[in-house]
Amino acid sequence: MADHQKILAELDKLEQNPEGHAKEFLKFTESFAEPHHHKEEEVLFPALEKKGMPKDGGPIGMMLFEHETKRGLVKELRKAVEEGNDGKVKENALAIVSLLREHISKEDNILYPCAKDFLSAEELADLASQCEQIKAH
């Protein structure tokens, strides 16, 4: 959840100045937000599935769908930046801001509390260790 605070701070900057902050945000999402999503996709979600949380029709499926939606928006933002199309930069940047704020809220208020119900403190600590290994690569 600590990662979310850094992501939200970047979203604030992007929202305040979409055209001026887009390039910096693209670097940030590649170096920080995408690795965060990979931690969830490679460590947390499989652990929750093993404990019985369904992938389809539940929080995991929604989070995966939103990760893919975000990746598509980032691709469009990168294209708009490269083309110098400020209107499309702003449109895609604000779509990313909206999507990720809602996404983070769902994770903080639904998915992560569910994870604490499904997994023991020991299992959560083990997952945190696995996530650190992903960060180290």
N, C-alpha and C. Protein backbone atom coordinates (compact mmCIF):
# COMPACT_ATOMS: atom_id res chain seq x y z
N MET A 1 0.82 -1.20 0.00
CA MET A 1 0.00 0.00 0.00
C MET A 1 0.86 1.26 0.00
N ALA A 2 2.08 1.16 0.49
CA ALA A 2 2.97 2.33 0.48
C ALA A 2 3.25 2.79 -0.94
N ASP A 3 3.33 1.83 -1.86
CA ASP A 3 3.55 2.19 -3.27
C ASP A 3 2.44 3.11 -3.76
N HIS A 4 1.23 2.89 -3.27
CA HIS A 4 0.10 3.68 -3.74
C HIS A 4 0.28 5.17 -3.45
N GLN A 5 0.91 5.50 -2.34
CA GLN A 5 1.10 6.92 -2.02
C GLN A 5 2.01 7.60 -3.05
N LYS A 6 3.04 6.90 -3.48
CA LYS A 6 3.94 7.45 -4.51
C LYS A 6 3.20 7.59 -5.83
N ILE A 7 2.39 6.60 -6.17
CA ILE A 7 1.65 6.64 -7.43
C ILE A 7 0.64 7.79 -7.38
N LEU A 8 -0.07 7.95 -6.27
CA LEU A 8 -1.05 9.03 -6.15
C LEU A 8 -0.38 10.40 -6.26
N ALA A 9 0.81 10.55 -5.71
CA ALA A 9 1.54 11.83 -5.82
C ALA A 9 1.86 12.13 -7.28
N GLU A 10 2.26 11.11 -8.03
CA GLU A 10 2.54 11.31 -9.46
C GLU A 10 1.26 11.63 -10.24
N LEU A 11 0.17 11.01 -9.85
CA LEU A 11 -1.11 11.30 -10.51
C LEU A 11 -1.53 12.74 -10.28
N ASP A 12 -1.27 13.25 -9.07
CA ASP A 12 -1.58 14.67 -8.79
C ASP A 12 -0.80 15.58 -9.73
N LYS A 13 0.49 15.30 -9.90
CA LYS A 13 1.32 16.11 -10.80
C LYS A 13 0.83 16.01 -12.23
N LEU A 14 0.46 14.82 -12.65
CA LEU A 14 -0.02 14.61 -14.02
C LEU A 14 -1.33 15.35 -14.25
N GLU A 15 -2.20 15.31 -13.27
CA GLU A 15 -3.50 15.98 -13.40
C GLU A 15 -3.32 17.50 -13.46
N GLN A 16 -2.42 18.04 -12.67
CA GLN A 16 -2.20 19.48 -12.63
C GLN A 16 -1.56 20.02 -13.90
N ASN A 17 -0.72 19.19 -14.55
CA ASN A 17 0.00 19.66 -15.74
C ASN A 17 0.20 18.48 -16.69
N PRO A 18 -0.88 18.03 -17.35
CA PRO A 18 -0.77 16.82 -18.19
C PRO A 18 0.32 16.92 -19.25
N GLU A 19 0.33 18.02 -19.99
CA GLU A 19 1.30 18.15 -21.08
C GLU A 19 2.73 18.28 -20.55
N GLY A 20 2.89 18.99 -19.45
CA GLY A 20 4.23 19.22 -18.91
C GLY A 20 4.80 18.06 -18.11
N HIS A 21 3.94 17.20 -17.59
CA HIS A 21 4.41 16.11 -16.73
C HIS A 21 4.34 14.74 -17.40
N ALA A 22 3.79 14.68 -18.60
CA ALA A 22 3.56 13.38 -19.25
C ALA A 22 4.84 12.57 -19.43
N LYS A 23 5.91 13.20 -19.90
CA LYS A 23 7.15 12.45 -20.13
C LYS A 23 7.69 11.89 -18.82
N GLU A 24 7.68 12.69 -17.78
CA GLU A 24 8.16 12.24 -16.47
C GLU A 24 7.27 11.11 -15.94
N PHE A 25 5.96 11.24 -16.15
CA PHE A 25 5.04 10.19 -15.71
C PHE A 25 5.30 8.89 -16.44
N LEU A 26 5.58 8.96 -17.74
CA LEU A 26 5.86 7.74 -18.51
C LEU A 26 7.09 7.03 -17.96
N LYS A 27 8.11 7.78 -17.59
CA LYS A 27 9.30 7.17 -16.98
C LYS A 27 8.95 6.55 -15.64
N PHE A 28 8.16 7.28 -14.85
CA PHE A 28 7.75 6.80 -13.53
C PHE A 28 6.94 5.51 -13.64
N THR A 29 6.00 5.47 -14.57
CA THR A 29 5.15 4.28 -14.67
C THR A 29 5.97 3.07 -15.10
N GLU A 30 6.96 3.29 -15.96
CA GLU A 30 7.81 2.19 -16.40
C GLU A 30 8.70 1.68 -15.28
N SER A 31 9.24 2.60 -14.48
CA SER A 31 10.20 2.21 -13.46
C SER A 31 9.57 1.88 -12.10
N PHE A 32 8.34 2.33 -11.86
CA PHE A 32 7.75 2.12 -10.53
C PHE A 32 6.35 1.50 -10.58
N ALA A 33 5.43 2.09 -11.31
CA ALA A 33 4.05 1.60 -11.30
C ALA A 33 3.94 0.22 -11.94
N GLU A 34 4.61 0.02 -13.07
CA GLU A 34 4.56 -1.29 -13.73
C GLU A 34 5.15 -2.39 -12.85
N PRO A 35 6.33 -2.17 -12.24
CA PRO A 35 6.83 -3.19 -11.30
C PRO A 35 5.85 -3.48 -10.16
N HIS A 36 5.13 -2.44 -9.70
CA HIS A 36 4.12 -2.63 -8.65
C HIS A 36 3.03 -3.59 -9.15
N HIS A 37 2.56 -3.37 -10.38
CA HIS A 37 1.53 -4.25 -10.95
C HIS A 37 2.06 -5.67 -11.08
N HIS A 38 3.31 -5.81 -11.48
CA HIS A 38 3.90 -7.14 -11.63
C HIS A 38 3.97 -7.87 -10.29
N LYS A 39 4.26 -7.15 -9.22
CA LYS A 39 4.27 -7.77 -7.89
C LYS A 39 2.91 -8.37 -7.58
N GLU A 40 1.86 -7.60 -7.88
CA GLU A 40 0.52 -8.10 -7.62
C GLU A 40 0.20 -9.31 -8.51
N GLU A 41 0.53 -9.18 -9.79
CA GLU A 41 0.18 -10.22 -10.76
C GLU A 41 0.98 -11.51 -10.56
N GLU A 42 2.23 -11.39 -10.13
CA GLU A 42 3.10 -12.56 -10.01
C GLU A 42 3.15 -13.15 -8.61
N VAL A 43 2.79 -12.36 -7.59
CA VAL A 43 2.92 -12.82 -6.21
C VAL A 43 1.57 -12.84 -5.49
N LEU A 44 0.94 -11.68 -5.36
CA LEU A 44 -0.28 -11.58 -4.55
C LEU A 44 -1.46 -12.34 -5.16
N PHE A 45 -1.76 -12.06 -6.42
CA PHE A 45 -2.95 -12.67 -7.01
C PHE A 45 -2.87 -14.19 -7.04
N PRO A 46 -1.74 -14.79 -7.46
CA PRO A 46 -1.67 -16.26 -7.42
C PRO A 46 -1.83 -16.82 -5.99
N ALA A 47 -1.29 -16.12 -5.01
CA ALA A 47 -1.43 -16.59 -3.62
C ALA A 47 -2.89 -16.55 -3.18
N LEU A 48 -3.60 -15.50 -3.58
CA LEU A 48 -5.01 -15.41 -3.23
C LEU A 48 -5.84 -16.48 -3.95
N GLU A 49 -5.49 -16.74 -5.20
CA GLU A 49 -6.19 -17.80 -5.95
C GLU A 49 -6.00 -19.15 -5.27
N LYS A 50 -4.76 -19.43 -4.83
CA LYS A 50 -4.48 -20.71 -4.15
C LYS A 50 -5.31 -20.86 -2.88
N LYS A 51 -5.64 -19.73 -2.25
CA LYS A 51 -6.43 -19.75 -1.01
C LYS A 51 -7.93 -19.75 -1.28
N GLY A 52 -8.30 -19.74 -2.56
CA GLY A 52 -9.71 -19.87 -2.89
C GLY A 52 -10.40 -18.63 -3.42
N MET A 53 -9.70 -17.53 -3.54
CA MET A 53 -10.33 -16.34 -4.12
C MET A 53 -10.40 -16.55 -5.64
N PRO A 54 -11.59 -16.45 -6.20
CA PRO A 54 -11.71 -16.68 -7.65
C PRO A 54 -11.05 -15.57 -8.46
N LYS A 55 -10.43 -15.99 -9.56
CA LYS A 55 -9.80 -15.02 -10.45
C LYS A 55 -10.86 -14.28 -11.26
N ASP A 56 -11.80 -15.03 -11.80
CA ASP A 56 -12.84 -14.44 -12.63
C ASP A 56 -14.04 -14.04 -11.78
N GLY A 57 -14.62 -12.90 -12.12
CA GLY A 57 -15.83 -12.46 -11.45
C GLY A 57 -15.61 -11.88 -10.07
N GLY A 58 -14.38 -11.64 -9.69
CA GLY A 58 -14.10 -11.09 -8.37
C GLY A 58 -13.06 -9.98 -8.45
N PRO A 59 -12.51 -9.61 -7.31
CA PRO A 59 -11.55 -8.50 -7.28
C PRO A 59 -10.30 -8.75 -8.13
N ILE A 60 -9.80 -9.98 -8.16
CA ILE A 60 -8.58 -10.25 -8.93
C ILE A 60 -8.83 -9.97 -10.41
N GLY A 61 -9.91 -10.49 -10.93
CA GLY A 61 -10.23 -10.29 -12.34
C GLY A 61 -10.37 -8.81 -12.68
N MET A 62 -11.02 -8.06 -11.80
CA MET A 62 -11.19 -6.63 -12.02
C MET A 62 -9.83 -5.92 -12.00
N MET A 63 -8.97 -6.27 -11.06
CA MET A 63 -7.65 -5.62 -10.98
C MET A 63 -6.83 -5.92 -12.24
N LEU A 64 -6.87 -7.16 -12.71
CA LEU A 64 -6.14 -7.52 -13.92
C LEU A 64 -6.67 -6.75 -15.12
N PHE A 65 -7.98 -6.64 -15.23
CA PHE A 65 -8.59 -5.89 -16.32
C PHE A 65 -8.14 -4.42 -16.27
N GLU A 66 -8.12 -3.85 -15.09
CA GLU A 66 -7.72 -2.45 -14.95
C GLU A 66 -6.23 -2.26 -15.22
N HIS A 67 -5.40 -3.22 -14.86
CA HIS A 67 -3.98 -3.14 -15.20
C HIS A 67 -3.82 -3.09 -16.72
N GLU A 68 -4.54 -3.95 -17.43
CA GLU A 68 -4.44 -3.97 -18.89
C GLU A 68 -5.00 -2.69 -19.50
N THR A 69 -6.08 -2.19 -18.94
CA THR A 69 -6.64 -0.92 -19.42
C THR A 69 -5.63 0.20 -19.26
N LYS A 70 -4.97 0.24 -18.11
CA LYS A 70 -3.95 1.26 -17.84
C LYS A 70 -2.80 1.14 -18.84
N ARG A 71 -2.39 -0.09 -19.12
CA ARG A 71 -1.29 -0.28 -20.08
C ARG A 71 -1.67 0.25 -21.45
N GLY A 72 -2.91 0.04 -21.87
CA GLY A 72 -3.37 0.58 -23.14
C GLY A 72 -3.38 2.10 -23.15
N LEU A 73 -3.83 2.70 -22.06
CA LEU A 73 -3.84 4.16 -21.95
C LEU A 73 -2.42 4.72 -21.95
N VAL A 74 -1.51 4.04 -21.29
CA VAL A 74 -0.11 4.49 -21.26
C VAL A 74 0.48 4.43 -22.66
N LYS A 75 0.16 3.38 -23.40
CA LYS A 75 0.64 3.25 -24.78
C LYS A 75 0.12 4.43 -25.62
N GLU A 76 -1.14 4.76 -25.44
CA GLU A 76 -1.73 5.90 -26.17
C GLU A 76 -1.10 7.23 -25.73
N LEU A 77 -0.82 7.35 -24.45
CA LEU A 77 -0.18 8.57 -23.94
C LEU A 77 1.21 8.70 -24.54
N ARG A 78 1.97 7.62 -24.57
CA ARG A 78 3.31 7.65 -25.14
C ARG A 78 3.26 8.08 -26.62
N LYS A 79 2.31 7.53 -27.35
CA LYS A 79 2.14 7.87 -28.77
C LYS A 79 1.80 9.36 -28.92
N ALA A 80 0.90 9.86 -28.11
CA ALA A 80 0.51 11.27 -28.17
C ALA A 80 1.68 12.19 -27.84
N VAL A 81 2.49 11.80 -26.86
CA VAL A 81 3.68 12.58 -26.50
C VAL A 81 4.65 12.62 -27.68
N GLU A 82 4.89 11.45 -28.27
CA GLU A 82 5.82 11.37 -29.40
C GLU A 82 5.33 12.20 -30.58
N GLU A 83 4.04 12.25 -30.79
CA GLU A 83 3.46 13.03 -31.89
C GLU A 83 3.31 14.51 -31.55
N GLY A 84 3.48 14.86 -30.28
CA GLY A 84 3.32 16.25 -29.87
C GLY A 84 1.86 16.70 -29.90
N ASN A 85 0.94 15.76 -29.73
CA ASN A 85 -0.49 16.06 -29.77
C ASN A 85 -0.98 16.35 -28.35
N ASP A 86 -0.91 17.64 -27.96
CA ASP A 86 -1.25 18.03 -26.59
C ASP A 86 -2.68 17.67 -26.20
N GLY A 87 -3.61 17.75 -27.14
CA GLY A 87 -5.00 17.40 -26.83
C GLY A 87 -5.12 15.94 -26.42
N LYS A 88 -4.47 15.05 -27.18
CA LYS A 88 -4.50 13.62 -26.86
C LYS A 88 -3.69 13.32 -25.61
N VAL A 89 -2.60 14.06 -25.40
CA VAL A 89 -1.81 13.89 -24.17
C VAL A 89 -2.71 14.14 -22.97
N LYS A 90 -3.41 15.28 -23.02
CA LYS A 90 -4.28 15.64 -21.89
C LYS A 90 -5.39 14.61 -21.71
N GLU A 91 -6.02 14.21 -22.80
CA GLU A 91 -7.13 13.25 -22.74
C GLU A 91 -6.67 11.93 -22.12
N ASN A 92 -5.55 11.39 -22.58
CA ASN A 92 -5.06 10.12 -22.06
C ASN A 92 -4.53 10.26 -20.64
N ALA A 93 -3.86 11.36 -20.35
CA ALA A 93 -3.34 11.58 -19.00
C ALA A 93 -4.48 11.61 -17.99
N LEU A 94 -5.53 12.34 -18.31
CA LEU A 94 -6.65 12.45 -17.37
C LEU A 94 -7.41 11.13 -17.24
N ALA A 95 -7.45 10.35 -18.31
CA ALA A 95 -8.07 9.02 -18.24
C ALA A 95 -7.26 8.11 -17.31
N ILE A 96 -5.93 8.20 -17.40
CA ILE A 96 -5.05 7.41 -16.53
C ILE A 96 -5.25 7.83 -15.07
N VAL A 97 -5.30 9.14 -14.83
CA VAL A 97 -5.49 9.64 -13.47
C VAL A 97 -6.79 9.09 -12.88
N SER A 98 -7.87 9.19 -13.64
CA SER A 98 -9.17 8.72 -13.16
C SER A 98 -9.15 7.21 -12.89
N LEU A 99 -8.65 6.45 -13.86
CA LEU A 99 -8.61 4.99 -13.71
C LEU A 99 -7.78 4.57 -12.50
N LEU A 100 -6.58 5.12 -12.38
CA LEU A 100 -5.70 4.66 -11.31
C LEU A 100 -6.16 5.11 -9.93
N ARG A 101 -6.78 6.28 -9.83
CA ARG A 101 -7.31 6.68 -8.52
C ARG A 101 -8.41 5.71 -8.07
N GLU A 102 -9.30 5.35 -8.99
CA GLU A 102 -10.35 4.39 -8.66
C GLU A 102 -9.76 3.01 -8.36
N HIS A 103 -8.77 2.64 -9.15
CA HIS A 103 -8.11 1.34 -8.99
C HIS A 103 -7.45 1.23 -7.61
N ILE A 104 -6.72 2.25 -7.24
CA ILE A 104 -6.04 2.26 -5.94
C ILE A 104 -7.05 2.21 -4.81
N SER A 105 -8.14 2.94 -4.95
CA SER A 105 -9.18 2.91 -3.93
C SER A 105 -9.75 1.51 -3.77
N LYS A 106 -10.00 0.82 -4.89
CA LYS A 106 -10.51 -0.56 -4.82
C LYS A 106 -9.50 -1.49 -4.16
N GLU A 107 -8.23 -1.32 -4.49
CA GLU A 107 -7.22 -2.19 -3.88
C GLU A 107 -7.12 -1.92 -2.38
N ASP A 108 -7.06 -0.64 -2.01
CA ASP A 108 -6.90 -0.30 -0.60
C ASP A 108 -8.11 -0.68 0.24
N ASN A 109 -9.31 -0.55 -0.34
CA ASN A 109 -10.53 -0.74 0.44
C ASN A 109 -11.21 -2.09 0.25
N ILE A 110 -10.87 -2.81 -0.82
CA ILE A 110 -11.50 -4.10 -1.07
C ILE A 110 -10.47 -5.23 -1.14
N LEU A 111 -9.56 -5.14 -2.11
CA LEU A 111 -8.65 -6.25 -2.36
C LEU A 111 -7.70 -6.51 -1.18
N TYR A 112 -7.01 -5.49 -0.71
CA TYR A 112 -6.03 -5.71 0.35
C TYR A 112 -6.68 -6.15 1.67
N PRO A 113 -7.83 -5.57 2.07
CA PRO A 113 -8.49 -6.12 3.26
C PRO A 113 -8.89 -7.59 3.07
N CYS A 114 -9.34 -7.95 1.86
CA CYS A 114 -9.67 -9.36 1.57
C CYS A 114 -8.42 -10.22 1.71
N ALA A 115 -7.30 -9.71 1.21
CA ALA A 115 -6.04 -10.46 1.29
C ALA A 115 -5.69 -10.75 2.75
N LYS A 116 -5.93 -9.78 3.62
CA LYS A 116 -5.63 -9.97 5.04
C LYS A 116 -6.54 -11.02 5.66
N ASP A 117 -7.76 -11.16 5.10
CA ASP A 117 -8.67 -12.19 5.59
C ASP A 117 -8.28 -13.58 5.07
N PHE A 118 -7.79 -13.63 3.82
CA PHE A 118 -7.46 -14.90 3.18
C PHE A 118 -6.09 -15.44 3.62
N LEU A 119 -5.17 -14.54 3.96
CA LEU A 119 -3.78 -14.94 4.22
C LEU A 119 -3.37 -14.64 5.66
N SER A 120 -2.56 -15.51 6.21
CA SER A 120 -2.05 -15.30 7.57
C SER A 120 -0.97 -14.22 7.56
N ALA A 121 -0.63 -13.73 8.74
CA ALA A 121 0.44 -12.73 8.86
C ALA A 121 1.75 -13.30 8.31
N GLU A 122 2.00 -14.57 8.57
CA GLU A 122 3.22 -15.21 8.08
C GLU A 122 3.22 -15.27 6.55
N GLU A 123 2.08 -15.63 5.98
CA GLU A 123 1.97 -15.69 4.51
C GLU A 123 2.15 -14.30 3.90
N LEU A 124 1.56 -13.29 4.52
CA LEU A 124 1.71 -11.92 4.02
C LEU A 124 3.16 -11.47 4.09
N ALA A 125 3.85 -11.82 5.15
CA ALA A 125 5.28 -11.47 5.28
C ALA A 125 6.10 -12.16 4.19
N ASP A 126 5.77 -13.41 3.90
CA ASP A 126 6.46 -14.15 2.84
C ASP A 126 6.20 -13.48 1.48
N LEU A 127 4.98 -13.07 1.24
CA LEU A 127 4.65 -12.38 -0.02
C LEU A 127 5.42 -11.07 -0.13
N ALA A 128 5.52 -10.35 0.97
CA ALA A 128 6.28 -9.08 0.96
C ALA A 128 7.73 -9.34 0.59
N SER A 129 8.29 -10.42 1.11
CA SER A 129 9.67 -10.78 0.78
C SER A 129 9.80 -11.11 -0.70
N GLN A 130 8.84 -11.86 -1.24
CA GLN A 130 8.86 -12.18 -2.66
C GLN A 130 8.76 -10.91 -3.51
N CYS A 131 7.95 -9.96 -3.08
CA CYS A 131 7.80 -8.70 -3.81
C CYS A 131 9.10 -7.91 -3.81
N GLU A 132 9.82 -7.96 -2.70
CA GLU A 132 11.12 -7.27 -2.63
C GLU A 132 12.10 -7.86 -3.65
N GLN A 133 12.00 -9.16 -3.86
CA GLN A 133 12.87 -9.80 -4.86
C GLN A 133 12.55 -9.29 -6.26
N ILE A 134 11.29 -9.07 -6.54
CA ILE A 134 10.91 -8.53 -7.85
C ILE A 134 11.45 -7.13 -7.99
N LYS A 135 11.38 -6.34 -6.93
CA LYS A 135 11.89 -4.97 -6.95
C LYS A 135 13.39 -4.96 -7.21
N ALA A 136 14.10 -5.99 -6.70
CA ALA A 136 15.56 -6.02 -6.81
C ALA A 136 16.06 -6.33 -8.22
N HIS A 137 15.20 -6.87 -9.07
CA HIS A 137 15.64 -7.25 -10.42
C HIS A 137 15.82 -6.05 -11.30
